Amino acid sequence: MPATGGNYLYTRDELEHAATHDPYWNAAQNEMVRTGKMQGYMRMYWGKKILEWSATPQEAYATALYLNNKYEIDGRDPKRLLQVLHGASGSTTGPGRSGRSLVWCGT
């Protein structure tokens, strides 16, 4: 749903059902649900948009991890978990478009 300033905030359910305003993100999510796979660049886009559309970075990471583990064939592979963290952190070599970063508190 649109929030103030043209930003969007979506629930986990809306994201899971590819119910966003972004046709490219929706296509990537639907591909993951249907095939269990997502192309690498789209996986990064997918994670960055979840961060942008979530209320907090922690919520974004939890949502991305939930969707990845539920639908990706290799969802619980440690390498893939790092990719989810990397994508949801909003950075490739610097700050993401959202200007927010995720603080990793894992053990």
C-alpha atoms as a PDB file:
ATOM      1  CA  MET A   1       0.000   0.000   0.000  1.00  0.00           C
ATOM      2  CA  PRO A   2       1.264   3.534  -0.715  1.00  0.00           C
ATOM      3  CA  ALA A   3       2.629   5.383   2.280  1.00  0.00           C
ATOM      4  CA  THR A   4       3.413   9.054   2.625  1.00  0.00           C
ATOM      5  CA  GLY A   5       5.955  10.566   0.258  1.00  0.00           C
ATOM      6  CA  GLY A   6       5.377   7.968  -2.484  1.00  0.00           C
ATOM      7  CA  ASN A   7       7.008   5.197  -0.461  1.00  0.00           C
ATOM      8  CA  TYR A   8       5.352   1.807  -0.277  1.00  0.00           C
ATOM      9  CA  LEU A   9       4.967  -0.525   2.689  1.00  0.00           C
ATOM     10  CA  TYR A  10       3.807  -4.100   2.143  1.00  0.00           C
ATOM     11  CA  THR A  11       2.926  -6.891   4.530  1.00  0.00           C
ATOM     12  CA  ARG A  12       4.618 -10.281   4.368  1.00  0.00           C
ATOM     13  CA  ASP A  13       1.404 -11.713   2.925  1.00  0.00           C
ATOM     14  CA  GLU A  14       1.267  -9.090   0.159  1.00  0.00           C
ATOM     15  CA  LEU A  15       4.901  -9.790  -0.729  1.00  0.00           C
ATOM     16  CA  GLU A  16       4.399 -13.554  -0.651  1.00  0.00           C
ATOM     17  CA  HIS A  17       1.489 -13.239  -3.086  1.00  0.00           C
ATOM     18  CA  ALA A  18       3.345 -10.800  -5.378  1.00  0.00           C
ATOM     19  CA  ALA A  19       0.784  -8.068  -4.713  1.00  0.00           C
ATOM     20  CA  THR A  20       3.051  -5.028  -5.143  1.00  0.00           C
ATOM     21  CA  HIS A  21       2.965  -2.117  -7.576  1.00  0.00           C
ATOM     22  CA  ASP A  22       6.218  -3.359  -9.212  1.00  0.00           C
ATOM     23  CA  PRO A  23       5.674  -5.793 -12.125  1.00  0.00           C
ATOM     24  CA  TYR A  24       9.354  -6.817 -12.197  1.00  0.00           C
ATOM     25  CA  TRP A  25       9.438  -7.677  -8.506  1.00  0.00           C
ATOM     26  CA  ASN A  26       6.118  -9.519  -8.823  1.00  0.00           C
ATOM     27  CA  ALA A  27       7.504 -11.534 -11.751  1.00  0.00           C
ATOM     28  CA  ALA A  28      10.604 -12.501  -9.739  1.00  0.00           C
ATOM     29  CA  GLN A  29       8.504 -13.543  -6.740  1.00  0.00           C
ATOM     30  CA  ASN A  30       6.132 -15.555  -8.944  1.00  0.00           C
ATOM     31  CA  GLU A  31       9.093 -17.253 -10.641  1.00  0.00           C
ATOM     32  CA  MET A  32      10.477 -18.256  -7.249  1.00  0.00           C
ATOM     33  CA  VAL A  33       7.098 -19.598  -6.097  1.00  0.00           C
ATOM     34  CA  ARG A  34       6.468 -21.554  -9.303  1.00  0.00           C
ATOM     35  CA  THR A  35       9.963 -22.875 -10.082  1.00  0.00           C
ATOM     36  CA  GLY A  36      11.894 -22.693  -6.806  1.00  0.00           C
ATOM     37  CA  LYS A  37      14.521 -20.550  -8.519  1.00  0.00           C
ATOM     38  CA  MET A  38      15.316 -16.921  -9.187  1.00  0.00           C
ATOM     39  CA  GLN A  39      17.989 -15.430 -11.428  1.00  0.00           C
ATOM     40  CA  GLY A  40      20.897 -13.922  -9.451  1.00  0.00           C
ATOM     41  CA  TYR A  41      20.480 -10.259 -10.359  1.00  0.00           C
ATOM     42  CA  MET A  42      16.754 -10.459  -9.745  1.00  0.00           C
ATOM     43  CA  ARG A  43      17.434 -12.047  -6.365  1.00  0.00           C
ATOM     44  CA  MET A  44      19.427  -8.950  -5.386  1.00  0.00           C
ATOM     45  CA  TYR A  45      16.664  -6.646  -6.701  1.00  0.00           C
ATOM     46  CA  TRP A  46      14.091  -8.756  -4.866  1.00  0.00           C
ATOM     47  CA  GLY A  47      15.952  -8.410  -1.548  1.00  0.00           C
ATOM     48  CA  LYS A  48      16.582  -4.680  -1.924  1.00  0.00           C
ATOM     49  CA  LYS A  49      12.925  -4.002  -2.618  1.00  0.00           C
ATOM     50  CA  ILE A  50      11.841  -6.003   0.415  1.00  0.00           C
ATOM     51  CA  LEU A  51      14.115  -3.752   2.480  1.00  0.00           C
ATOM     52  CA  GLU A  52      12.681  -0.643   0.839  1.00  0.00           C
ATOM     53  CA  TRP A  53       9.076  -1.777   1.358  1.00  0.00           C
ATOM     54  CA  SER A  54       9.405  -2.932   4.986  1.00  0.00           C
ATOM     55  CA  ALA A  55       8.911  -0.861   8.121  1.00  0.00           C
ATOM     56  CA  THR A  56      12.282  -1.891   9.595  1.00  0.00           C
ATOM     57  CA  PRO A  57      15.436  -3.613   8.344  1.00  0.00           C
ATOM     58  CA  GLN A  58      14.806  -6.449  10.806  1.00  0.00           C
ATOM     59  CA  GLU A  59      11.319  -6.993   9.359  1.00  0.00           C
ATOM     60  CA  ALA A  60      12.795  -6.970   5.850  1.00  0.00           C
ATOM     61  CA  TYR A  61      15.364  -9.620   6.719  1.00  0.00           C
ATOM     62  CA  ALA A  62      12.795 -11.807   8.466  1.00  0.00           C
ATOM     63  CA  THR A  63      10.470 -11.575   5.446  1.00  0.00           C
ATOM     64  CA  ALA A  64      13.223 -12.251   2.909  1.00  0.00           C
ATOM     65  CA  LEU A  65      14.465 -15.227   4.922  1.00  0.00           C
ATOM     66  CA  TYR A  66      10.943 -16.619   5.303  1.00  0.00           C
ATOM     67  CA  LEU A  67      10.192 -16.358   1.572  1.00  0.00           C
ATOM     68  CA  ASN A  68      13.601 -17.692   0.557  1.00  0.00           C
ATOM     69  CA  ASN A  69      13.386 -20.689   2.893  1.00  0.00           C
ATOM     70  CA  LYS A  70       9.826 -21.491   1.884  1.00  0.00           C
ATOM     71  CA  TYR A  71      10.144 -21.243  -1.906  1.00  0.00           C
ATOM     72  CA  GLU A  72      13.770 -21.490  -3.070  1.00  0.00           C
ATOM     73  CA  ILE A  73      14.993 -25.003  -3.854  1.00  0.00           C
ATOM     74  CA  ASP A  74      18.321 -24.120  -2.229  1.00  0.00           C
ATOM     75  CA  GLY A  75      16.723 -21.878   0.386  1.00  0.00           C
ATOM     76  CA  ARG A  76      18.467 -23.325   3.424  1.00  0.00           C
ATOM     77  CA  ASP A  77      21.909 -23.512   1.802  1.00  0.00           C
ATOM     78  CA  PRO A  78      24.336 -21.345   3.864  1.00  0.00           C
ATOM     79  CA  LYS A  79      25.568 -19.630   0.680  1.00  0.00           C
ATOM     80  CA  ARG A  80      22.000 -18.630  -0.200  1.00  0.00           C
ATOM     81  CA  LEU A  81      21.331 -17.390   3.328  1.00  0.00           C
ATOM     82  CA  LEU A  82      24.298 -15.050   2.954  1.00  0.00           C
ATOM     83  CA  GLN A  83      22.904 -13.831  -0.370  1.00  0.00           C
ATOM     84  CA  VAL A  84      19.578 -13.079   1.307  1.00  0.00           C
ATOM     85  CA  LEU A  85      21.373 -11.154   4.045  1.00  0.00           C
ATOM     86  CA  HIS A  86      23.431  -9.314   1.436  1.00  0.00           C
ATOM     87  CA  GLY A  87      20.356  -8.432  -0.628  1.00  0.00           C
ATOM     88  CA  ALA A  88      18.271  -7.402   2.360  1.00  0.00           C
ATOM     89  CA  SER A  89      21.125  -5.252   3.666  1.00  0.00           C
ATOM     90  CA  GLY A  90      20.562  -2.878   0.756  1.00  0.00           C
ATOM     91  CA  SER A  91      24.155  -2.874  -0.438  1.00  0.00           C
ATOM     92  CA  THR A  92      26.338  -4.332  -3.123  1.00  0.00           C
ATOM     93  CA  THR A  93      29.384  -2.124  -2.636  1.00  0.00           C
ATOM     94  CA  GLY A  94      27.714   0.716  -0.760  1.00  0.00           C
ATOM     95  CA  PRO A  95      24.389   1.911   0.616  1.00  0.00           C
ATOM     96  CA  GLY A  96      21.248   0.715  -1.140  1.00  0.00           C
ATOM     97  CA  ARG A  97      18.611   2.921  -2.652  1.00  0.00           C
ATOM     98  CA  SER A  98      16.657   2.875   0.553  1.00  0.00           C
ATOM     99  CA  GLY A  99      19.532   4.412   2.500  1.00  0.00           C
ATOM    100  CA  ARG A 100      18.981   1.884   5.301  1.00  0.00           C
ATOM    101  CA  SER A 101      21.233  -0.941   6.322  1.00  0.00           C
ATOM    102  CA  LEU A 102      20.632  -4.106   8.273  1.00  0.00           C
ATOM    103  CA  VAL A 103      22.603  -4.742  11.438  1.00  0.00           C
ATOM    104  CA  TRP A 104      23.519  -8.408  11.696  1.00  0.00           C
ATOM    105  CA  CYS A 105      22.992  -9.696  15.239  1.00  0.00           C
ATOM    106  CA  GLY A 106      23.561 -13.389  14.550  1.00  0.00           C
ATOM    107  CA  THR A 107      25.792 -15.654  16.572  1.00  0.00           C
END
